[in-house]
Amino acid sequence: QVQLVESGGGLVQAGGSLKLSCAASGSIFKFSDMGWYRQTPEKQRELVAQLTVDGRTNYADSGKGRFTISRDNANNTVYLRMNSLKPEDTAVYYCYAYRLSDGANYWGRGTQVTVSS
């Protein structure tokens, strides 16, 4: 049973923009803090941005001022808008959900973002 499905990754030139989407099942989305992580072969998975159920956001320093996380409660979707992309943003981006009611964690399968110089 697929719970989180990411989309929107791709190849973009440095300075460009992408918007990632993560569609979640309703049983997860409504009761979960949501987030985006990224991972490269050289680095551990790292936090990119978080958005809590009550609307608080948290960004990694690498994305502050460039990335925006948001959620569409009507469509059970969380987004990550990425502007001014840099080659070092190249990674697989994963959607993450932490369901507050029972502490369950969910991960999507990831979407590749490649930024060319």
N, C-alpha and C. Protein backbone atom coordinates (compact mmCIF):
# COMPACT_ATOMS: atom_id res chain seq x y z
N GLN A 1 0.85 -1.19 0.00
CA GLN A 1 0.00 0.00 0.00
C GLN A 1 0.88 1.23 0.00
N VAL A 2 0.78 2.01 -1.07
CA VAL A 2 1.60 3.21 -1.21
C VAL A 2 1.00 4.30 -0.37
N GLN A 3 1.83 4.94 0.45
CA GLN A 3 1.33 5.95 1.37
C GLN A 3 1.73 7.36 0.97
N LEU A 4 2.98 7.53 0.50
CA LEU A 4 3.50 8.84 0.09
C LEU A 4 4.06 8.71 -1.32
N VAL A 5 3.66 9.59 -2.21
CA VAL A 5 4.11 9.54 -3.59
C VAL A 5 4.64 10.90 -3.99
N GLU A 6 5.94 10.96 -4.29
CA GLU A 6 6.56 12.21 -4.71
C GLU A 6 6.51 12.35 -6.22
N SER A 7 6.54 13.60 -6.66
CA SER A 7 6.65 13.91 -8.07
C SER A 7 7.26 15.30 -8.21
N GLY A 8 7.67 15.62 -9.43
CA GLY A 8 8.15 16.96 -9.71
C GLY A 8 9.64 17.10 -9.85
N GLY A 9 10.39 16.02 -9.61
CA GLY A 9 11.82 16.11 -9.78
C GLY A 9 12.19 16.18 -11.25
N GLY A 10 13.47 16.41 -11.51
CA GLY A 10 13.93 16.48 -12.88
C GLY A 10 15.27 17.16 -12.98
N LEU A 11 15.61 17.51 -14.20
CA LEU A 11 16.87 18.18 -14.51
C LEU A 11 16.61 19.66 -14.74
N VAL A 12 17.39 20.49 -14.09
CA VAL A 12 17.22 21.93 -14.22
C VAL A 12 18.59 22.59 -14.18
N GLN A 13 18.72 23.70 -14.86
CA GLN A 13 19.98 24.44 -14.82
C GLN A 13 20.11 25.22 -13.52
N ALA A 14 21.35 25.47 -13.14
CA ALA A 14 21.59 26.28 -11.95
C ALA A 14 20.87 27.62 -12.09
N GLY A 15 20.25 28.02 -10.98
CA GLY A 15 19.47 29.24 -10.97
C GLY A 15 18.00 29.03 -11.26
N GLY A 16 17.67 27.83 -11.71
CA GLY A 16 16.29 27.52 -12.03
C GLY A 16 15.47 27.11 -10.82
N SER A 17 14.24 26.69 -11.08
CA SER A 17 13.30 26.35 -10.02
C SER A 17 12.62 25.02 -10.30
N LEU A 18 12.22 24.37 -9.23
CA LEU A 18 11.41 23.17 -9.31
C LEU A 18 10.42 23.19 -8.16
N LYS A 19 9.30 22.52 -8.37
CA LYS A 19 8.33 22.36 -7.29
C LYS A 19 8.02 20.88 -7.14
N LEU A 20 8.39 20.35 -6.00
CA LEU A 20 8.13 18.95 -5.70
C LEU A 20 6.78 18.81 -5.01
N SER A 21 6.12 17.72 -5.30
CA SER A 21 4.84 17.43 -4.67
C SER A 21 4.91 16.06 -3.99
N CYS A 22 4.16 15.94 -2.92
CA CYS A 22 4.06 14.67 -2.21
C CYS A 22 2.59 14.45 -1.86
N ALA A 23 2.00 13.48 -2.50
CA ALA A 23 0.61 13.14 -2.22
C ALA A 23 0.57 12.05 -1.16
N ALA A 24 -0.21 12.30 -0.14
CA ALA A 24 -0.29 11.37 0.98
C ALA A 24 -1.70 10.85 1.16
N SER A 25 -1.82 9.68 1.72
CA SER A 25 -3.14 9.18 2.06
C SER A 25 -3.71 10.02 3.20
N GLY A 26 -5.03 10.12 3.23
CA GLY A 26 -5.65 10.99 4.22
C GLY A 26 -5.38 10.58 5.65
N SER A 27 -5.24 9.29 5.86
CA SER A 27 -5.01 8.80 7.23
C SER A 27 -3.64 9.23 7.75
N ILE A 28 -2.77 9.59 6.83
CA ILE A 28 -1.45 10.06 7.24
C ILE A 28 -1.43 11.58 7.30
N PHE A 29 -1.85 12.20 6.24
CA PHE A 29 -1.64 13.63 6.06
C PHE A 29 -2.28 14.46 7.16
N LYS A 30 -3.50 14.14 7.50
CA LYS A 30 -4.25 15.00 8.41
C LYS A 30 -3.66 15.05 9.81
N PHE A 31 -2.90 14.04 10.17
CA PHE A 31 -2.44 13.93 11.55
C PHE A 31 -0.92 13.93 11.65
N SER A 32 -0.26 14.40 10.59
CA SER A 32 1.19 14.25 10.55
C SER A 32 1.91 15.57 10.31
N ASP A 33 3.05 15.66 10.97
CA ASP A 33 4.04 16.63 10.55
C ASP A 33 4.67 16.08 9.27
N MET A 34 4.89 16.96 8.30
CA MET A 34 5.42 16.53 7.01
C MET A 34 6.78 17.17 6.78
N GLY A 35 7.56 16.53 5.93
CA GLY A 35 8.87 17.10 5.67
C GLY A 35 9.48 16.56 4.39
N TRP A 36 10.55 17.20 4.00
CA TRP A 36 11.35 16.77 2.86
C TRP A 36 12.78 16.56 3.33
N TYR A 37 13.35 15.46 2.90
CA TYR A 37 14.75 15.15 3.14
C TYR A 37 15.41 14.92 1.79
N ARG A 38 16.72 14.92 1.79
CA ARG A 38 17.44 14.62 0.56
C ARG A 38 18.67 13.79 0.88
N GLN A 39 19.13 13.07 -0.13
CA GLN A 39 20.28 12.19 0.06
C GLN A 39 21.06 12.06 -1.23
N THR A 40 22.38 12.06 -1.09
CA THR A 40 23.28 11.78 -2.20
C THR A 40 24.11 10.56 -1.83
N PRO A 41 24.78 9.95 -2.80
CA PRO A 41 25.62 8.79 -2.47
C PRO A 41 26.74 9.11 -1.48
N GLU A 42 27.12 10.39 -1.44
CA GLU A 42 28.25 10.76 -0.58
C GLU A 42 27.82 11.18 0.82
N LYS A 43 26.55 11.47 1.00
CA LYS A 43 26.11 12.02 2.27
C LYS A 43 24.92 11.27 2.83
N GLN A 44 24.78 11.36 4.14
CA GLN A 44 23.61 10.78 4.79
C GLN A 44 22.37 11.59 4.43
N ARG A 45 21.22 10.96 4.61
CA ARG A 45 19.97 11.68 4.37
C ARG A 45 19.87 12.86 5.34
N GLU A 46 19.52 14.00 4.80
CA GLU A 46 19.48 15.21 5.62
C GLU A 46 18.15 15.93 5.44
N LEU A 47 17.79 16.62 6.50
CA LEU A 47 16.56 17.38 6.48
C LEU A 47 16.69 18.57 5.53
N VAL A 48 15.64 18.81 4.76
CA VAL A 48 15.56 20.00 3.92
C VAL A 48 14.57 20.99 4.51
N ALA A 49 13.37 20.51 4.83
CA ALA A 49 12.33 21.39 5.36
C ALA A 49 11.28 20.56 6.08
N GLN A 50 10.67 21.19 7.09
CA GLN A 50 9.60 20.55 7.85
C GLN A 50 8.41 21.48 7.93
N LEU A 51 7.23 20.89 8.02
CA LEU A 51 6.01 21.67 8.20
C LEU A 51 5.10 20.89 9.13
N THR A 52 4.80 21.49 10.28
CA THR A 52 4.00 20.78 11.27
C THR A 52 2.51 20.90 10.96
N VAL A 53 1.74 20.10 11.65
CA VAL A 53 0.29 20.13 11.46
C VAL A 53 -0.26 21.51 11.75
N ASP A 54 0.33 22.19 12.73
CA ASP A 54 -0.18 23.52 13.10
C ASP A 54 0.52 24.65 12.36
N GLY A 55 1.27 24.30 11.31
CA GLY A 55 1.77 25.32 10.41
C GLY A 55 3.17 25.87 10.67
N ARG A 56 3.87 25.32 11.63
CA ARG A 56 5.24 25.81 11.88
C ARG A 56 6.19 25.19 10.86
N THR A 57 7.15 25.99 10.42
CA THR A 57 8.13 25.53 9.45
C THR A 57 9.53 25.54 10.02
N ASN A 58 10.35 24.70 9.45
CA ASN A 58 11.76 24.64 9.82
C ASN A 58 12.54 24.28 8.56
N TYR A 59 13.62 25.03 8.32
CA TYR A 59 14.41 24.81 7.12
C TYR A 59 15.88 24.57 7.49
N ALA A 60 16.49 23.71 6.72
CA ALA A 60 17.94 23.59 6.84
C ALA A 60 18.57 24.87 6.33
N ASP A 61 19.72 25.21 6.89
CA ASP A 61 20.39 26.45 6.49
C ASP A 61 20.63 26.50 4.98
N SER A 62 20.88 25.35 4.39
CA SER A 62 21.20 25.30 2.96
C SER A 62 20.06 25.79 2.09
N GLY A 63 18.83 25.71 2.60
CA GLY A 63 17.68 26.08 1.79
C GLY A 63 16.96 27.34 2.22
N LYS A 64 17.40 27.93 3.33
CA LYS A 64 16.72 29.13 3.82
C LYS A 64 16.78 30.25 2.78
N GLY A 65 15.64 30.85 2.55
CA GLY A 65 15.55 31.93 1.58
C GLY A 65 15.36 31.46 0.15
N ARG A 66 15.54 30.17 -0.08
CA ARG A 66 15.38 29.64 -1.45
C ARG A 66 14.25 28.62 -1.55
N PHE A 67 14.04 27.86 -0.48
CA PHE A 67 13.04 26.80 -0.48
C PHE A 67 11.83 27.19 0.35
N THR A 68 10.66 26.74 -0.07
CA THR A 68 9.43 26.98 0.68
C THR A 68 8.61 25.70 0.73
N ILE A 69 8.27 25.28 1.93
CA ILE A 69 7.42 24.11 2.11
C ILE A 69 6.01 24.58 2.41
N SER A 70 5.04 23.89 1.84
CA SER A 70 3.64 24.26 2.06
C SER A 70 2.79 23.00 1.97
N ARG A 71 1.57 23.12 2.44
CA ARG A 71 0.67 21.96 2.38
C ARG A 71 -0.71 22.39 1.91
N ASP A 72 -1.34 21.51 1.16
CA ASP A 72 -2.70 21.70 0.68
C ASP A 72 -3.55 20.67 1.39
N ASN A 73 -4.24 21.10 2.42
CA ASN A 73 -5.01 20.16 3.23
C ASN A 73 -6.18 19.56 2.46
N ALA A 74 -6.70 20.28 1.51
CA ALA A 74 -7.84 19.76 0.75
C ALA A 74 -7.43 18.59 -0.14
N ASN A 75 -6.17 18.59 -0.57
CA ASN A 75 -5.69 17.56 -1.48
C ASN A 75 -4.65 16.63 -0.87
N ASN A 76 -4.47 16.76 0.44
CA ASN A 76 -3.52 15.87 1.14
C ASN A 76 -2.15 15.87 0.49
N THR A 77 -1.68 17.06 0.16
CA THR A 77 -0.42 17.18 -0.57
C THR A 77 0.49 18.21 0.12
N VAL A 78 1.74 17.87 0.17
CA VAL A 78 2.75 18.81 0.66
C VAL A 78 3.69 19.13 -0.50
N TYR A 79 4.13 20.37 -0.56
CA TYR A 79 4.96 20.84 -1.66
C TYR A 79 6.30 21.35 -1.13
N LEU A 80 7.26 21.32 -2.01
CA LEU A 80 8.54 21.98 -1.75
C LEU A 80 8.89 22.79 -2.99
N ARG A 81 8.80 24.09 -2.85
CA ARG A 81 9.19 24.98 -3.92
C ARG A 81 10.66 25.33 -3.74
N MET A 82 11.44 25.09 -4.78
CA MET A 82 12.88 25.32 -4.72
C MET A 82 13.27 26.33 -5.79
N ASN A 83 13.79 27.45 -5.36
CA ASN A 83 14.24 28.50 -6.27
C ASN A 83 15.77 28.64 -6.20
N SER A 84 16.31 29.30 -7.18
CA SER A 84 17.76 29.57 -7.22
C SER A 84 18.55 28.30 -6.96
N LEU A 85 18.22 27.27 -7.67
CA LEU A 85 18.85 25.97 -7.42
C LEU A 85 20.33 26.00 -7.77
N LYS A 86 21.07 25.22 -7.00
CA LYS A 86 22.52 25.12 -7.16
C LYS A 86 22.90 23.66 -7.46
N PRO A 87 24.04 23.45 -8.09
CA PRO A 87 24.46 22.06 -8.34
C PRO A 87 24.52 21.22 -7.06
N GLU A 88 24.83 21.83 -5.95
CA GLU A 88 24.91 21.08 -4.69
C GLU A 88 23.54 20.69 -4.15
N ASP A 89 22.48 21.16 -4.77
CA ASP A 89 21.13 20.71 -4.40
C ASP A 89 20.78 19.38 -5.07
N THR A 90 21.64 18.93 -5.97
CA THR A 90 21.41 17.65 -6.63
C THR A 90 21.34 16.53 -5.61
N ALA A 91 20.25 15.77 -5.64
CA ALA A 91 20.04 14.70 -4.68
C ALA A 91 18.73 13.99 -5.00
N VAL A 92 18.51 12.90 -4.31
CA VAL A 92 17.18 12.29 -4.30
C VAL A 92 16.41 12.91 -3.14
N TYR A 93 15.26 13.43 -3.42
CA TYR A 93 14.44 14.09 -2.41
C TYR A 93 13.32 13.16 -1.97
N TYR A 94 13.20 13.02 -0.66
CA TYR A 94 12.22 12.11 -0.07
C TYR A 94 11.19 12.89 0.75
N CYS A 95 9.97 12.50 0.57
CA CYS A 95 8.89 13.02 1.41
C CYS A 95 8.81 12.18 2.68
N TYR A 96 8.49 12.84 3.77
CA TYR A 96 8.47 12.17 5.07
C TYR A 96 7.25 12.63 5.85
N ALA A 97 6.68 11.69 6.59
CA ALA A 97 5.56 12.04 7.46
C ALA A 97 5.75 11.39 8.82
N TYR A 98 5.47 12.17 9.83
CA TYR A 98 5.50 11.66 11.21
C TYR A 98 4.11 11.84 11.78
N ARG A 99 3.43 10.73 11.96
CA ARG A 99 2.05 10.80 12.44
C ARG A 99 2.03 10.95 13.95
N LEU A 100 1.46 12.03 14.40
CA LEU A 100 1.52 12.38 15.81
C LEU A 100 0.72 11.43 16.68
N SER A 101 -0.34 10.88 16.15
CA SER A 101 -1.24 10.07 16.98
C SER A 101 -0.58 8.79 17.47
N ASP A 102 0.30 8.20 16.65
CA ASP A 102 0.91 6.94 17.05
C ASP A 102 2.42 6.88 16.84
N GLY A 103 3.02 7.98 16.40
CA GLY A 103 4.47 8.01 16.22
C GLY A 103 4.96 7.25 15.01
N ALA A 104 4.06 6.88 14.11
CA ALA A 104 4.48 6.14 12.91
C ALA A 104 5.20 7.07 11.95
N ASN A 105 6.23 6.53 11.30
CA ASN A 105 7.00 7.26 10.30
C ASN A 105 6.73 6.68 8.92
N TYR A 106 6.65 7.54 7.94
CA TYR A 106 6.43 7.11 6.57
C TYR A 106 7.41 7.83 5.65
N TRP A 107 7.87 7.10 4.65
CA TRP A 107 8.76 7.67 3.64
C TRP A 107 8.25 7.38 2.25
N GLY A 108 8.42 8.35 1.36
CA GLY A 108 8.17 8.09 -0.04
C GLY A 108 9.36 7.41 -0.67
N ARG A 109 9.25 7.10 -1.95
CA ARG A 109 10.33 6.41 -2.65
C ARG A 109 11.39 7.35 -3.18
N GLY A 110 11.09 8.62 -3.18
CA GLY A 110 12.08 9.61 -3.61
C GLY A 110 11.89 10.06 -5.04
N THR A 111 12.36 11.27 -5.30
CA THR A 111 12.35 11.81 -6.65
C THR A 111 13.70 12.50 -6.89
N GLN A 112 14.28 12.25 -8.05
CA GLN A 112 15.62 12.75 -8.33
C GLN A 112 15.56 14.20 -8.78
N VAL A 113 16.40 15.01 -8.19
CA VAL A 113 16.59 16.39 -8.61
C VAL A 113 18.05 16.53 -9.04
N THR A 114 18.26 16.98 -10.26
CA THR A 114 19.60 17.18 -10.77
C THR A 114 19.73 18.61 -11.26
N VAL A 115 20.71 19.32 -10.73
CA VAL A 115 20.95 20.71 -11.10
C VAL A 115 22.28 20.79 -11.83
N SER A 116 22.23 21.19 -13.08
CA SER A 116 23.45 21.29 -13.88
C SER A 116 24.06 22.68 -13.77
N SER A 117 25.37 22.72 -13.87
CA SER A 117 26.07 24.00 -13.74
C SER A 117 26.22 24.69 -15.08
